[in-house]
Structure formats: structure tokens, C-alpha cells
Amino acid sequence: MQYTYLGRTALRVSRLCLGTLNLGVRATRDDSFAIMDAALDHGVNVLDTANHYGWQVHRGFTEELIGEWLDQGGGRRERIVLATKVFNPMSDRPNDQGLSARHIIDSCEASLRRLRTDWIDLFQMHRFDRHAPMEEVWQAMETLTTQGKVRYVGSSNFAGWHLAAAQEAAARRGLLGVVSEQCAYNLATRQAELEVIPAAQAYGVAVLPWSPLHGGLLGGALDKLERGTAVKSAQGRAQVALADRREEVLAFEKLCAGAGLAPAEVALSWVAHRPGVTAPVIGPRSLEHLEGALRALDLDLPSDVLDRLEELFPPVGRGGPAPEAWAA
């Protein structure tokens, strides 16, 4: 496994993060445990979840599953960088959501109980809360880090200006601030290149792209639909995107077939090796998916394939300058 630093911190993380959105929901308990064990055995040391994951069963279900897995011992907790998130509603109560100081602290305590651990390595704001002043957010995060319950603070789905606002507010308090940002980033969704990734690079923030296959769209969706084996690619983001991008996806799958490469591995390799990217967040539903992701990390895409990918999935504005260049 390849390792790097989590942004400007001294914390070493694997170049893949194991996302848990599918565990316990689209994968059985036993399969989920096997996936987490296999990822750990292969050196994947970042385990990413969120307080509301597993909502299909009940909010907090996935954290409970991970807590059960960690409770088996064997050095599991000591070997992983455990990441979870706060923001989404956990009940119908008005203060059981968002980024108020009250909810941040209450949510952390609840996550610790479900995860059966004493600390969270990376506590991430799942969304930016326009109603929560960053001074209030950092007051709560400072409390948790001082208590030893949180090691680092991250963000998810922030805009570039959200990262700037968060960092400047943290600097005023003498805090480390945000150390990582999870953003939607893949061949089909390249908006992060305009401001989010440049902002992250400027502030020394790690970039952890989620949905590197765009919900299965880039994992051989058309071929799977034709063979009747599609799961994620037959629903959600992938299904919506196929309505408008079928020709691009078809050309992508033909490109991969011609190069003798698996579409999912091509798409993941592309994201993993983009400038500013620290580690993509993968969401395997099986050991086979995990093994494919591990292969993708070592895949060196040929220059002609890379050139063709730029043609099929051009940057926003077809490669025009990012906003910061417009003022020059």
C-alpha cells in the first residue's frame, strides 16, 4: 500500500479510503466484516463513515456495525484512522442536526458510543451550515479536541469559499482548522477543479474524492445493464446521468475494452492520480470490488488513454481558466 500525509498534518494515510456507505446495507454483516478485514490486511488504514449512514435500517446503523467489528479486537482500532461525520438529521428534533455547538458535541458523543471507541481520528462536517458561525463551530471542535475525543477536523461538500472561511476562522483562534475535504470528483463531475481543489491546495487540505465512479456510471454501467447485473449503476446518480451522457459512457467503455482495462479501474486510477488528490473514498460491496480498487491504485494509464479521457470528459469550460485566473 502507498501512504501519504493527510494534508499538512503529520498523519500518514493510505492512498485509498474505505467508505462504508454500502456496508450492512448492500453487503451483509459477514461480507462487510470480510471487506473491512481485507482492506486492513492490504494496508488501507482509513475507514470513513457518517453518523446517519445505514438510514435504510436506522440512522447510526453503520457506525454500530463498525463498532461491532472494532470490538473484535486484534488491533483493529489501533491500526485504522477512523473518520465519521456530523450534520445530517439524526431525529425529528430541531436541534438534532446541523453544526450548532450543541449538535456537534452531542453527535460526537453518540458516534463514540456507537463506534465503541474513545476517540475519532477525523471528525468531518458533512455539509456547510450557513446558520452556524464558524466561531461557534470551532468552539465546539476545540472542546472535543481538548478532551481528546477528536484528533483532527475535516469537511465534506464544502465550496472553495467555505474552506477559506473555515480556515480563516480557525486561524483567528490559533487552531489547526480543516485538514481534509471530501468532495464529489470523478471524470463525469470535474467542478471541484475550479475552486475546491485549488483552495485545498492553498491551505494544505487533503482532498478525499467521494463517488469516484459517479455512483457506478463509470464502472461499466451500460455493459452491466445489458447483462442484467447492474446494481448501483441502475439507480441514483448513475441512472440520472445516463439519460444525458449515454454516448459518452458508451465511448468510455469502448475505450477501456480496446485498452484491455476494466472501466472501474480506469476511472478510479484517473481520480487517484489527479493533482491535489490525497486518497479517493471507495465504497466496495464485495471483495471483488475491493481487489479492483487496489489494482487501480497501481495502474499507470497510457498517455493515449489519458488524452482520450480528456476528450470524452473535458474539464468544466472545456479547459478554460479557473475563476482565479479571470481577475488577472
C-alpha atoms as a PDB file:
ATOM      1  CA  MET A   1       0.000   0.000   0.000  1.00  0.00           C
ATOM      2  CA  GLN A   2       1.130   3.521  -0.760  1.00  0.00           C
ATOM      3  CA  TYR A   3       0.901   6.093   2.042  1.00  0.00           C
ATOM      4  CA  THR A   4       0.917   9.853   2.114  1.00  0.00           C
ATOM      5  CA  TYR A   5       0.236  12.610   4.613  1.00  0.00           C
ATOM      6  CA  LEU A   6      -3.226  13.879   5.408  1.00  0.00           C
ATOM      7  CA  GLY A   7      -2.828  17.369   4.008  1.00  0.00           C
ATOM      8  CA  ARG A   8      -0.431  19.490   6.042  1.00  0.00           C
ATOM      9  CA  THR A   9      -0.590  17.151   9.057  1.00  0.00           C
ATOM     10  CA  ALA A  10       1.932  14.525  10.119  1.00  0.00           C
ATOM     11  CA  LEU A  11      -0.731  11.799   9.997  1.00  0.00           C
ATOM     12  CA  ARG A  12       0.047   9.110   7.422  1.00  0.00           C
ATOM     13  CA  VAL A  13      -2.899   7.701   5.486  1.00  0.00           C
ATOM     14  CA  SER A  14      -3.299   5.116   2.753  1.00  0.00           C
ATOM     15  CA  ARG A  15      -3.896   6.272  -0.818  1.00  0.00           C
ATOM     16  CA  LEU A  16      -7.343   4.680  -0.661  1.00  0.00           C
ATOM     17  CA  CYS A  17     -10.040   5.292   1.943  1.00  0.00           C
ATOM     18  CA  LEU A  18     -12.569   2.565   2.667  1.00  0.00           C
ATOM     19  CA  GLY A  19     -16.015   4.135   2.519  1.00  0.00           C
ATOM     20  CA  THR A  20     -18.752   2.301   4.399  1.00  0.00           C
ATOM     21  CA  LEU A  21     -21.960   3.587   2.805  1.00  0.00           C
ATOM     22  CA  ASN A  22     -22.755   0.131   1.414  1.00  0.00           C
ATOM     23  CA  LEU A  23     -21.709  -1.931   4.414  1.00  0.00           C
ATOM     24  CA  GLY A  24     -24.542  -3.629   6.231  1.00  0.00           C
ATOM     25  CA  VAL A  25     -26.990  -2.333   3.629  1.00  0.00           C
ATOM     26  CA  ARG A  26     -25.856  -3.545   0.208  1.00  0.00           C
ATOM     27  CA  ALA A  27     -23.443  -6.015   1.792  1.00  0.00           C
ATOM     28  CA  THR A  28     -24.336  -8.459   4.542  1.00  0.00           C
ATOM     29  CA  ARG A  29     -22.854  -8.200   8.025  1.00  0.00           C
ATOM     30  CA  ASP A  30     -20.445 -11.081   7.363  1.00  0.00           C
ATOM     31  CA  ASP A  31     -19.433  -9.697   3.959  1.00  0.00           C
ATOM     32  CA  SER A  32     -18.969  -6.255   5.483  1.00  0.00           C
ATOM     33  CA  PHE A  33     -16.665  -7.633   8.155  1.00  0.00           C
ATOM     34  CA  ALA A  34     -14.710  -9.538   5.492  1.00  0.00           C
ATOM     35  CA  ILE A  35     -14.318  -6.375   3.396  1.00  0.00           C
ATOM     36  CA  MET A  36     -13.045  -4.353   6.367  1.00  0.00           C
ATOM     37  CA  ASP A  37     -10.636  -7.124   7.352  1.00  0.00           C
ATOM     38  CA  ALA A  38      -9.338  -7.494   3.801  1.00  0.00           C
ATOM     39  CA  ALA A  39      -8.874  -3.731   3.406  1.00  0.00           C
ATOM     40  CA  LEU A  40      -6.920  -3.633   6.659  1.00  0.00           C
ATOM     41  CA  ASP A  41      -4.795  -6.600   5.584  1.00  0.00           C
ATOM     42  CA  HIS A  42      -3.963  -4.775   2.340  1.00  0.00           C
ATOM     43  CA  GLY A  43      -2.862  -1.694   4.262  1.00  0.00           C
ATOM     44  CA  VAL A  44      -5.924   0.508   3.756  1.00  0.00           C
ATOM     45  CA  ASN A  45      -5.889   2.363   7.064  1.00  0.00           C
ATOM     46  CA  VAL A  46      -8.637   4.992   6.602  1.00  0.00           C
ATOM     47  CA  LEU A  47     -12.166   3.859   7.454  1.00  0.00           C
ATOM     48  CA  ASP A  48     -14.741   6.503   6.572  1.00  0.00           C
ATOM     49  CA  THR A  49     -18.360   6.601   7.706  1.00  0.00           C
ATOM     50  CA  ALA A  50     -21.038   9.080   8.837  1.00  0.00           C
ATOM     51  CA  ASN A  51     -23.403   9.273  11.768  1.00  0.00           C
ATOM     52  CA  HIS A  52     -26.520   8.793   9.621  1.00  0.00           C
ATOM     53  CA  TYR A  53     -25.212   6.019   7.350  1.00  0.00           C
ATOM     54  CA  GLY A  54     -27.389   2.932   7.382  1.00  0.00           C
ATOM     55  CA  TRP A  55     -30.509   5.091   7.473  1.00  0.00           C
ATOM     56  CA  GLN A  56     -32.243   2.411   5.392  1.00  0.00           C
ATOM     57  CA  VAL A  57     -32.268   0.372   8.633  1.00  0.00           C
ATOM     58  CA  HIS A  58     -31.964   3.228  11.124  1.00  0.00           C
ATOM     59  CA  ARG A  59     -29.734   6.279  11.476  1.00  0.00           C
ATOM     60  CA  GLY A  60     -26.459   5.254  13.057  1.00  0.00           C
ATOM     61  CA  PHE A  61     -26.674   1.629  11.915  1.00  0.00           C
ATOM     62  CA  THR A  62     -23.366   1.669  10.021  1.00  0.00           C
ATOM     63  CA  GLU A  63     -21.470   3.148  12.958  1.00  0.00           C
ATOM     64  CA  GLU A  64     -22.945   0.394  15.128  1.00  0.00           C
ATOM     65  CA  LEU A  65     -21.748  -2.222  12.620  1.00  0.00           C
ATOM     66  CA  ILE A  66     -18.241  -0.751  12.614  1.00  0.00           C
ATOM     67  CA  GLY A  67     -18.274  -0.663  16.409  1.00  0.00           C
ATOM     68  CA  GLU A  68     -19.099  -4.360  16.473  1.00  0.00           C
ATOM     69  CA  TRP A  69     -16.249  -5.038  14.037  1.00  0.00           C
ATOM     70  CA  LEU A  70     -13.802  -2.972  16.100  1.00  0.00           C
ATOM     71  CA  ASP A  71     -14.891  -4.754  19.272  1.00  0.00           C
ATOM     72  CA  GLN A  72     -13.419  -7.998  17.914  1.00  0.00           C
ATOM     73  CA  GLY A  73     -10.019  -6.610  18.868  1.00  0.00           C
ATOM     74  CA  GLY A  74      -6.920  -7.841  17.107  1.00  0.00           C
ATOM     75  CA  GLY A  75      -5.507  -4.319  16.962  1.00  0.00           C
ATOM     76  CA  ARG A  76      -8.235  -3.157  14.605  1.00  0.00           C
ATOM     77  CA  ARG A  77      -8.803   0.172  16.326  1.00  0.00           C
ATOM     78  CA  GLU A  78      -5.123   0.933  16.700  1.00  0.00           C
ATOM     79  CA  ARG A  79      -4.424   0.206  13.034  1.00  0.00           C
ATOM     80  CA  ILE A  80      -7.073   2.442  11.480  1.00  0.00           C
ATOM     81  CA  VAL A  81      -7.681   6.145  11.027  1.00  0.00           C
ATOM     82  CA  LEU A  82     -11.371   6.302  11.921  1.00  0.00           C
ATOM     83  CA  ALA A  83     -13.384   9.047  10.233  1.00  0.00           C
ATOM     84  CA  THR A  84     -17.026   9.945  10.704  1.00  0.00           C
ATOM     85  CA  LYS A  85     -19.262  12.943  10.021  1.00  0.00           C
ATOM     86  CA  VAL A  86     -21.777  15.300  11.603  1.00  0.00           C
ATOM     87  CA  PHE A  87     -24.554  17.423  10.081  1.00  0.00           C
ATOM     88  CA  ASN A  88     -27.471  15.362   8.794  1.00  0.00           C
ATOM     89  CA  PRO A  89     -30.636  14.991  10.915  1.00  0.00           C
ATOM     90  CA  MET A  90     -30.490  12.121  13.374  1.00  0.00           C
ATOM     91  CA  SER A  91     -34.092  12.505  14.530  1.00  0.00           C
ATOM     92  CA  ASP A  92     -37.062  14.823  14.094  1.00  0.00           C
ATOM     93  CA  ARG A  93     -35.901  17.066  16.942  1.00  0.00           C
ATOM     94  CA  PRO A  94     -34.997  20.553  15.660  1.00  0.00           C
ATOM     95  CA  ASN A  95     -31.563  20.623  17.342  1.00  0.00           C
ATOM     96  CA  ASP A  96     -30.548  17.120  16.297  1.00  0.00           C
ATOM     97  CA  GLN A  97     -28.960  18.317  13.042  1.00  0.00           C
ATOM     98  CA  GLY A  98     -26.668  20.960  11.582  1.00  0.00           C
ATOM     99  CA  LEU A  99     -23.455  22.396  13.006  1.00  0.00           C
ATOM    100  CA  SER A 100     -24.557  24.109  16.184  1.00  0.00           C
ATOM    101  CA  ALA A 101     -22.118  23.681  19.060  1.00  0.00           C
ATOM    102  CA  ARG A 102     -24.769  21.628  20.827  1.00  0.00           C
ATOM    103  CA  HIS A 103     -25.281  19.206  17.959  1.00  0.00           C
ATOM    104  CA  ILE A 104     -21.573  18.842  17.155  1.00  0.00           C
ATOM    105  CA  ILE A 105     -20.783  17.788  20.726  1.00  0.00           C
ATOM    106  CA  ASP A 106     -23.903  15.631  21.142  1.00  0.00           C
ATOM    107  CA  SER A 107     -23.261  13.942  17.789  1.00  0.00           C
ATOM    108  CA  CYS A 108     -19.640  13.197  18.671  1.00  0.00           C
ATOM    109  CA  GLU A 109     -20.670  11.588  21.963  1.00  0.00           C
ATOM    110  CA  ALA A 110     -23.311   9.471  20.191  1.00  0.00           C
ATOM    111  CA  SER A 111     -20.856   8.388  17.469  1.00  0.00           C
ATOM    112  CA  LEU A 112     -18.307   7.360  20.093  1.00  0.00           C
ATOM    113  CA  ARG A 113     -20.909   5.147  21.763  1.00  0.00           C
ATOM    114  CA  ARG A 114     -21.992   3.529  18.509  1.00  0.00           C
ATOM    115  CA  LEU A 115     -18.404   3.037  17.329  1.00  0.00           C
ATOM    116  CA  ARG A 116     -17.359   1.636  20.736  1.00  0.00           C
ATOM    117  CA  THR A 117     -14.243   3.770  20.829  1.00  0.00           C
ATOM    118  CA  ASP A 118     -12.780   6.577  22.920  1.00  0.00           C
ATOM    119  CA  TRP A 119     -11.723   8.813  20.046  1.00  0.00           C
ATOM    120  CA  ILE A 120     -12.448   9.774  16.456  1.00  0.00           C
ATOM    121  CA  ASP A 121      -9.399  10.435  14.305  1.00  0.00           C
ATOM    122  CA  LEU A 122     -11.139  12.611  11.723  1.00  0.00           C
ATOM    123  CA  PHE A 123     -14.430  14.328  12.613  1.00  0.00           C
ATOM    124  CA  GLN A 124     -15.889  15.793   9.425  1.00  0.00           C
ATOM    125  CA  MET A 125     -18.534  18.436   8.833  1.00  0.00           C
ATOM    126  CA  HIS A 126     -20.772  16.684   6.290  1.00  0.00           C
ATOM    127  CA  ARG A 127     -22.113  19.946   4.880  1.00  0.00           C
ATOM    128  CA  PHE A 128     -21.517  23.656   5.362  1.00  0.00           C
ATOM    129  CA  ASP A 129     -24.116  25.148   7.692  1.00  0.00           C
ATOM    130  CA  ARG A 130     -24.971  28.712   6.670  1.00  0.00           C
ATOM    131  CA  HIS A 131     -26.749  29.206  10.002  1.00  0.00           C
ATOM    132  CA  ALA A 132     -23.733  28.246  12.110  1.00  0.00           C
ATOM    133  CA  PRO A 133     -20.998  30.875  12.527  1.00  0.00           C
ATOM    134  CA  MET A 134     -17.592  29.290  12.131  1.00  0.00           C
ATOM    135  CA  GLU A 135     -16.662  30.732  15.527  1.00  0.00           C
ATOM    136  CA  GLU A 136     -19.379  28.535  17.044  1.00  0.00           C
ATOM    137  CA  VAL A 137     -18.236  25.505  15.074  1.00  0.00           C
ATOM    138  CA  TRP A 138     -14.618  25.901  16.157  1.00  0.00           C
ATOM    139  CA  GLN A 139     -15.610  26.459  19.772  1.00  0.00           C
ATOM    140  CA  ALA A 140     -17.246  23.022  19.764  1.00  0.00           C
ATOM    141  CA  MET A 141     -14.423  21.356  17.839  1.00  0.00           C
ATOM    142  CA  GLU A 142     -11.849  22.867  20.186  1.00  0.00           C
ATOM    143  CA  THR A 143     -13.748  21.439  23.146  1.00  0.00           C
ATOM    144  CA  LEU A 144     -13.731  17.963  21.609  1.00  0.00           C
ATOM    145  CA  THR A 145     -10.057  18.035  20.636  1.00  0.00           C
ATOM    146  CA  THR A 146      -9.073  19.341  24.094  1.00  0.00           C
ATOM    147  CA  GLN A 147     -10.999  16.452  25.641  1.00  0.00           C
ATOM    148  CA  GLY A 148      -9.126  14.003  23.392  1.00  0.00           C
ATOM    149  CA  LYS A 149     -12.308  12.783  21.712  1.00  0.00           C
ATOM    150  CA  VAL A 150     -11.364  14.163  18.284  1.00  0.00           C
ATOM    151  CA  ARG A 151      -7.887  14.285  16.744  1.00  0.00           C
ATOM    152  CA  TYR A 152      -8.480  16.204  13.500  1.00  0.00           C
ATOM    153  CA  VAL A 153     -11.353  18.087  11.860  1.00  0.00           C
ATOM    154  CA  GLY A 154     -12.353  17.690   8.218  1.00  0.00           C
ATOM    155  CA  SER A 155     -15.064  18.885   5.881  1.00  0.00           C
ATOM    156  CA  SER A 156     -17.218  17.432   3.134  1.00  0.00           C
ATOM    157  CA  ASN A 157     -19.119  19.030   0.260  1.00  0.00           C
ATOM    158  CA  PHE A 158     -17.638  22.470   1.010  1.00  0.00           C
ATOM    159  CA  ALA A 159     -17.259  25.124  -1.653  1.00  0.00           C
ATOM    160  CA  GLY A 160     -13.908  26.835  -2.065  1.00  0.00           C
ATOM    161  CA  TRP A 161     -15.086  29.868  -0.115  1.00  0.00           C
ATOM    162  CA  HIS A 162     -16.369  27.609   2.671  1.00  0.00           C
ATOM    163  CA  LEU A 163     -12.857  26.215   3.099  1.00  0.00           C
ATOM    164  CA  ALA A 164     -11.413  29.737   3.165  1.00  0.00           C
ATOM    165  CA  ALA A 165     -13.983  30.906   5.729  1.00  0.00           C
ATOM    166  CA  ALA A 166     -13.352  27.863   7.924  1.00  0.00           C
ATOM    167  CA  GLN A 167      -9.583  28.209   7.794  1.00  0.00           C
ATOM    168  CA  GLU A 168      -9.516  31.927   8.492  1.00  0.00           C
ATOM    169  CA  ALA A 169     -11.862  31.492  11.471  1.00  0.00           C
ATOM    170  CA  ALA A 170      -9.695  28.667  12.820  1.00  0.00           C
ATOM    171  CA  ALA A 171      -6.541  30.760  12.389  1.00  0.00           C
ATOM    172  CA  ARG A 172      -8.070  33.546  14.469  1.00  0.00           C
ATOM    173  CA  ARG A 173      -8.406  31.041  17.343  1.00  0.00           C
ATOM    174  CA  GLY A 174      -4.939  29.625  16.799  1.00  0.00           C
ATOM    175  CA  LEU A 175      -6.346  26.252  15.699  1.00  0.00           C
ATOM    176  CA  LEU A 176      -5.159  23.802  13.074  1.00  0.00           C
ATOM    177  CA  GLY A 177      -8.522  24.036  11.286  1.00  0.00           C
ATOM    178  CA  VAL A 178      -9.733  21.812   8.479  1.00  0.00           C
ATOM    179  CA  VAL A 179      -7.221  19.177   7.386  1.00  0.00           C
ATOM    180  CA  SER A 180      -9.267  17.345   4.740  1.00  0.00           C
ATOM    181  CA  GLU A 181     -12.135  17.907   2.332  1.00  0.00           C
ATOM    182  CA  GLN A 182     -14.343  15.192   0.855  1.00  0.00           C
ATOM    183  CA  CYS A 183     -15.731  16.409  -2.446  1.00  0.00           C
ATOM    184  CA  ALA A 184     -17.575  14.826  -5.352  1.00  0.00           C
ATOM    185  CA  TYR A 185     -14.903  14.361  -8.005  1.00  0.00           C
ATOM    186  CA  ASN A 186     -14.666  11.984 -10.941  1.00  0.00           C
ATOM    187  CA  LEU A 187     -14.414  12.014 -14.721  1.00  0.00           C
ATOM    188  CA  ALA A 188     -18.068  12.980 -15.048  1.00  0.00           C
ATOM    189  CA  THR A 189     -18.017  15.590 -12.259  1.00  0.00           C
ATOM    190  CA  ARG A 190     -14.998  17.875 -12.527  1.00  0.00           C
ATOM    191  CA  GLN A 191     -16.357  21.077 -10.948  1.00  0.00           C
ATOM    192  CA  ALA A 192     -14.049  20.607  -7.949  1.00  0.00           C
ATOM    193  CA  GLU A 193     -11.119  21.534 -10.187  1.00  0.00           C
ATOM    194  CA  LEU A 194     -12.354  25.127 -10.435  1.00  0.00           C
ATOM    195  CA  GLU A 195     -12.181  26.267  -6.816  1.00  0.00           C
ATOM    196  CA  VAL A 196     -12.374  23.462  -4.247  1.00  0.00           C
ATOM    197  CA  ILE A 197      -9.126  21.696  -5.127  1.00  0.00           C
ATOM    198  CA  PRO A 198      -7.170  24.960  -5.635  1.00  0.00           C
ATOM    199  CA  ALA A 199      -8.431  26.196  -2.252  1.00  0.00           C
ATOM    200  CA  ALA A 200      -7.499  22.901  -0.624  1.00  0.00           C
ATOM    201  CA  GLN A 201      -4.014  23.048  -2.111  1.00  0.00           C
ATOM    202  CA  ALA A 202      -3.551  26.657  -0.964  1.00  0.00           C
ATOM    203  CA  TYR A 203      -4.496  25.799   2.628  1.00  0.00           C
ATOM    204  CA  GLY A 204      -2.757  22.421   2.804  1.00  0.00           C
ATOM    205  CA  VAL A 205      -6.027  20.499   2.960  1.00  0.00           C
ATOM    206  CA  ALA A 206      -6.157  16.857   1.867  1.00  0.00           C
ATOM    207  CA  VAL A 207      -8.644  16.052  -0.908  1.00  0.00           C
ATOM    208  CA  LEU A 208     -10.606  12.811  -0.468  1.00  0.00           C
ATOM    209  CA  PRO A 209     -12.875  12.433  -3.531  1.00  0.00           C
ATOM    210  CA  TRP A 210     -16.111  10.554  -2.918  1.00  0.00           C
ATOM    211  CA  SER A 211     -18.044   8.684  -5.603  1.00  0.00           C
ATOM    212  CA  PRO A 212     -15.009   8.241  -7.878  1.00  0.00           C
ATOM    213  CA  LEU A 213     -17.185   6.101 -10.174  1.00  0.00           C
ATOM    214  CA  HIS A 214     -20.122   8.537 -10.097  1.00  0.00           C
ATOM    215  CA  GLY A 215     -22.430   6.071  -8.419  1.00  0.00           C
ATOM    216  CA  GLY A 216     -21.426   3.262 -10.777  1.00  0.00           C
ATOM    217  CA  LEU A 217     -21.790   5.248 -14.015  1.00  0.00           C
ATOM    218  CA  LEU A 218     -18.076   4.780 -14.754  1.00  0.00           C
ATOM    219  CA  GLY A 219     -17.926   1.173 -13.604  1.00  0.00           C
ATOM    220  CA  GLY A 220     -19.154  -0.406 -16.839  1.00  0.00           C
ATOM    221  CA  ALA A 221     -22.767   0.671 -16.369  1.00  0.00           C
ATOM    222  CA  LEU A 222     -24.001   0.029 -19.908  1.00  0.00           C
ATOM    223  CA  ASP A 223     -22.383  -3.383 -20.111  1.00  0.00           C
ATOM    224  CA  LYS A 224     -23.869  -4.341 -16.733  1.00  0.00           C
ATOM    225  CA  LEU A 225     -27.312  -3.103 -17.739  1.00  0.00           C
ATOM    226  CA  GLU A 226     -27.137  -5.166 -20.914  1.00  0.00           C
ATOM    227  CA  ARG A 227     -26.120  -8.261 -18.939  1.00  0.00           C
ATOM    228  CA  GLY A 228     -28.678  -7.597 -16.215  1.00  0.00           C
ATOM    229  CA  THR A 229     -26.069  -7.372 -13.455  1.00  0.00           C
ATOM    230  CA  ALA A 230     -26.316  -3.641 -12.685  1.00  0.00           C
ATOM    231  CA  VAL A 231     -26.894  -2.637  -9.056  1.00  0.00           C
ATOM    232  CA  LYS A 232     -25.761   0.913  -8.245  1.00  0.00           C
ATOM    233  CA  SER A 233     -25.436   1.841 -11.922  1.00  0.00           C
ATOM    234  CA  ALA A 234     -29.153   1.157 -12.389  1.00  0.00           C
ATOM    235  CA  GLN A 235     -30.196   3.724  -9.793  1.00  0.00           C
ATOM    236  CA  GLY A 236     -29.355   7.093  -8.271  1.00  0.00           C
ATOM    237  CA  ARG A 237     -26.765   9.409  -9.830  1.00  0.00           C
ATOM    238  CA  ALA A 238     -25.725   6.880 -12.454  1.00  0.00           C
ATOM    239  CA  GLN A 239     -29.256   6.334 -13.710  1.00  0.00           C
ATOM    240  CA  VAL A 240     -29.916  10.081 -13.934  1.00  0.00           C
ATOM    241  CA  ALA A 241     -26.613  10.768 -15.690  1.00  0.00           C
ATOM    242  CA  LEU A 242     -27.136   8.008 -18.246  1.00  0.00           C
ATOM    243  CA  ALA A 243     -30.169   9.837 -19.618  1.00  0.00           C
ATOM    244  CA  ASP A 244     -27.908  12.647 -20.893  1.00  0.00           C
ATOM    245  CA  ARG A 245     -24.484  11.031 -21.128  1.00  0.00           C
ATOM    246  CA  ARG A 246     -25.115   7.630 -22.674  1.00  0.00           C
ATOM    247  CA  GLU A 247     -22.941   8.310 -25.739  1.00  0.00           C
ATOM    248  CA  GLU A 248     -20.001   9.454 -23.619  1.00  0.00           C
ATOM    249  CA  VAL A 249     -20.296   6.435 -21.354  1.00  0.00           C
ATOM    250  CA  LEU A 250     -20.557   4.091 -24.331  1.00  0.00           C
ATOM    251  CA  ALA A 251     -17.415   5.611 -25.853  1.00  0.00           C
ATOM    252  CA  PHE A 252     -15.676   5.322 -22.465  1.00  0.00           C
ATOM    253  CA  GLU A 253     -16.499   1.640 -22.160  1.00  0.00           C
ATOM    254  CA  LYS A 254     -15.308   1.017 -25.732  1.00  0.00           C
ATOM    255  CA  LEU A 255     -12.044   2.836 -24.932  1.00  0.00           C
ATOM    256  CA  CYS A 256     -11.483   0.661 -21.875  1.00  0.00           C
ATOM    257  CA  ALA A 257     -12.309  -2.520 -23.783  1.00  0.00           C
ATOM    258  CA  GLY A 258      -9.883  -1.566 -26.543  1.00  0.00           C
ATOM    259  CA  ALA A 259      -7.137  -0.994 -23.990  1.00  0.00           C
ATOM    260  CA  GLY A 260      -7.957  -4.250 -22.205  1.00  0.00           C
ATOM    261  CA  LEU A 261      -8.801  -2.392 -18.980  1.00  0.00           C
ATOM    262  CA  ALA A 262     -11.756  -2.508 -16.586  1.00  0.00           C
ATOM    263  CA  PRO A 263     -13.782   0.738 -16.667  1.00  0.00           C
ATOM    264  CA  ALA A 264     -13.975   0.986 -12.869  1.00  0.00           C
ATOM    265  CA  GLU A 265     -10.199   0.651 -12.563  1.00  0.00           C
ATOM    266  CA  VAL A 266      -9.583   3.261 -15.262  1.00  0.00           C
ATOM    267  CA  ALA A 267     -11.944   5.768 -13.643  1.00  0.00           C
ATOM    268  CA  LEU A 268     -10.520   5.213 -10.160  1.00  0.00           C
ATOM    269  CA  SER A 269      -6.915   5.383 -11.349  1.00  0.00           C
ATOM    270  CA  TRP A 270      -7.659   8.682 -13.108  1.00  0.00           C
ATOM    271  CA  VAL A 271      -9.031  10.237  -9.892  1.00  0.00           C
ATOM    272  CA  ALA A 272      -6.304   8.834  -7.653  1.00  0.00           C
ATOM    273  CA  HIS A 273      -3.554  10.386  -9.754  1.00  0.00           C
ATOM    274  CA  ARG A 274      -5.084  13.833 -10.279  1.00  0.00           C
ATOM    275  CA  PRO A 275      -3.191  16.872  -8.920  1.00  0.00           C
ATOM    276  CA  GLY A 276      -4.135  17.685  -5.343  1.00  0.00           C
ATOM    277  CA  VAL A 277      -5.856  14.363  -4.652  1.00  0.00           C
ATOM    278  CA  THR A 278      -4.808  12.560  -1.477  1.00  0.00           C
ATOM    279  CA  ALA A 279      -6.973   9.424  -1.470  1.00  0.00           C
ATOM    280  CA  PRO A 280     -10.272   8.525  -3.173  1.00  0.00           C
ATOM    281  CA  VAL A 281     -13.052   7.124  -0.991  1.00  0.00           C
ATOM    282  CA  ILE A 282     -14.141   3.756  -2.386  1.00  0.00           C
ATOM    283  CA  GLY A 283     -17.404   2.015  -1.497  1.00  0.00           C
ATOM    284  CA  PRO A 284     -16.990  -1.692  -2.283  1.00  0.00           C
ATOM    285  CA  ARG A 285     -19.930  -4.060  -1.875  1.00  0.00           C
ATOM    286  CA  SER A 286     -17.771  -7.155  -2.315  1.00  0.00           C
ATOM    287  CA  LEU A 287     -14.207  -8.386  -2.009  1.00  0.00           C
ATOM    288  CA  GLU A 288     -14.010  -8.354  -5.799  1.00  0.00           C
ATOM    289  CA  HIS A 289     -14.762  -4.623  -5.844  1.00  0.00           C
ATOM    290  CA  LEU A 290     -12.068  -4.023  -3.215  1.00  0.00           C
ATOM    291  CA  GLU A 291      -9.495  -6.007  -5.183  1.00  0.00           C
ATOM    292  CA  GLY A 292     -10.283  -3.987  -8.307  1.00  0.00           C
ATOM    293  CA  ALA A 293      -9.766  -0.749  -6.410  1.00  0.00           C
ATOM    294  CA  LEU A 294      -6.394  -1.944  -5.147  1.00  0.00           C
ATOM    295  CA  ARG A 295      -5.334  -2.775  -8.706  1.00  0.00           C
ATOM    296  CA  ALA A 296      -6.434   0.661  -9.885  1.00  0.00           C
ATOM    297  CA  LEU A 297      -4.095   2.354  -7.439  1.00  0.00           C
ATOM    298  CA  ASP A 298      -1.104   0.780  -9.195  1.00  0.00           C
ATOM    299  CA  LEU A 299      -2.476   1.287 -12.702  1.00  0.00           C
ATOM    300  CA  ASP A 300      -0.415   3.599 -14.896  1.00  0.00           C
ATOM    301  CA  LEU A 301      -2.777   4.751 -17.641  1.00  0.00           C
ATOM    302  CA  PRO A 302      -1.212   5.088 -21.114  1.00  0.00           C
ATOM    303  CA  SER A 303      -0.927   8.629 -22.469  1.00  0.00           C
ATOM    304  CA  ASP A 304      -3.265   7.907 -25.369  1.00  0.00           C
ATOM    305  CA  VAL A 305      -5.947   6.705 -22.947  1.00  0.00           C
ATOM    306  CA  LEU A 306      -5.497   9.815 -20.806  1.00  0.00           C
ATOM    307  CA  ASP A 307      -5.790  12.053 -23.864  1.00  0.00           C
ATOM    308  CA  ARG A 308      -8.978  10.320 -24.957  1.00  0.00           C
ATOM    309  CA  LEU A 309     -10.461  10.639 -21.454  1.00  0.00           C
ATOM    310  CA  GLU A 310      -9.918  14.406 -21.650  1.00  0.00           C
ATOM    311  CA  GLU A 311     -11.825  14.449 -24.917  1.00  0.00           C
ATOM    312  CA  LEU A 312     -14.714  12.381 -23.598  1.00  0.00           C
ATOM    313  CA  PHE A 313     -14.953  14.114 -20.220  1.00  0.00           C
ATOM    314  CA  PRO A 314     -13.469  17.597 -20.663  1.00  0.00           C
ATOM    315  CA  PRO A 315     -12.917  19.944 -17.724  1.00  0.00           C
ATOM    316  CA  VAL A 316     -15.661  22.433 -16.887  1.00  0.00           C
ATOM    317  CA  GLY A 317     -15.448  25.174 -19.515  1.00  0.00           C
ATOM    318  CA  ARG A 318     -13.576  22.692 -21.713  1.00  0.00           C
ATOM    319  CA  GLY A 319     -10.307  23.513 -20.023  1.00  0.00           C
ATOM    320  CA  GLY A 320     -10.722  27.262 -19.686  1.00  0.00           C
ATOM    321  CA  PRO A 321      -9.030  29.130 -16.844  1.00  0.00           C
ATOM    322  CA  ALA A 322     -10.247  28.682 -13.286  1.00  0.00           C
ATOM    323  CA  PRO A 323     -12.030  31.701 -11.755  1.00  0.00           C
ATOM    324  CA  GLU A 324      -8.895  32.909 -10.003  1.00  0.00           C
ATOM    325  CA  ALA A 325      -7.317  33.476 -13.428  1.00  0.00           C
ATOM    326  CA  TRP A 326     -10.184  35.615 -14.689  1.00  0.00           C
ATOM    327  CA  ALA A 327      -9.225  38.547 -12.495  1.00  0.00           C
ATOM    328  CA  ALA A 328      -5.700  38.710 -13.897  1.00  0.00           C
END
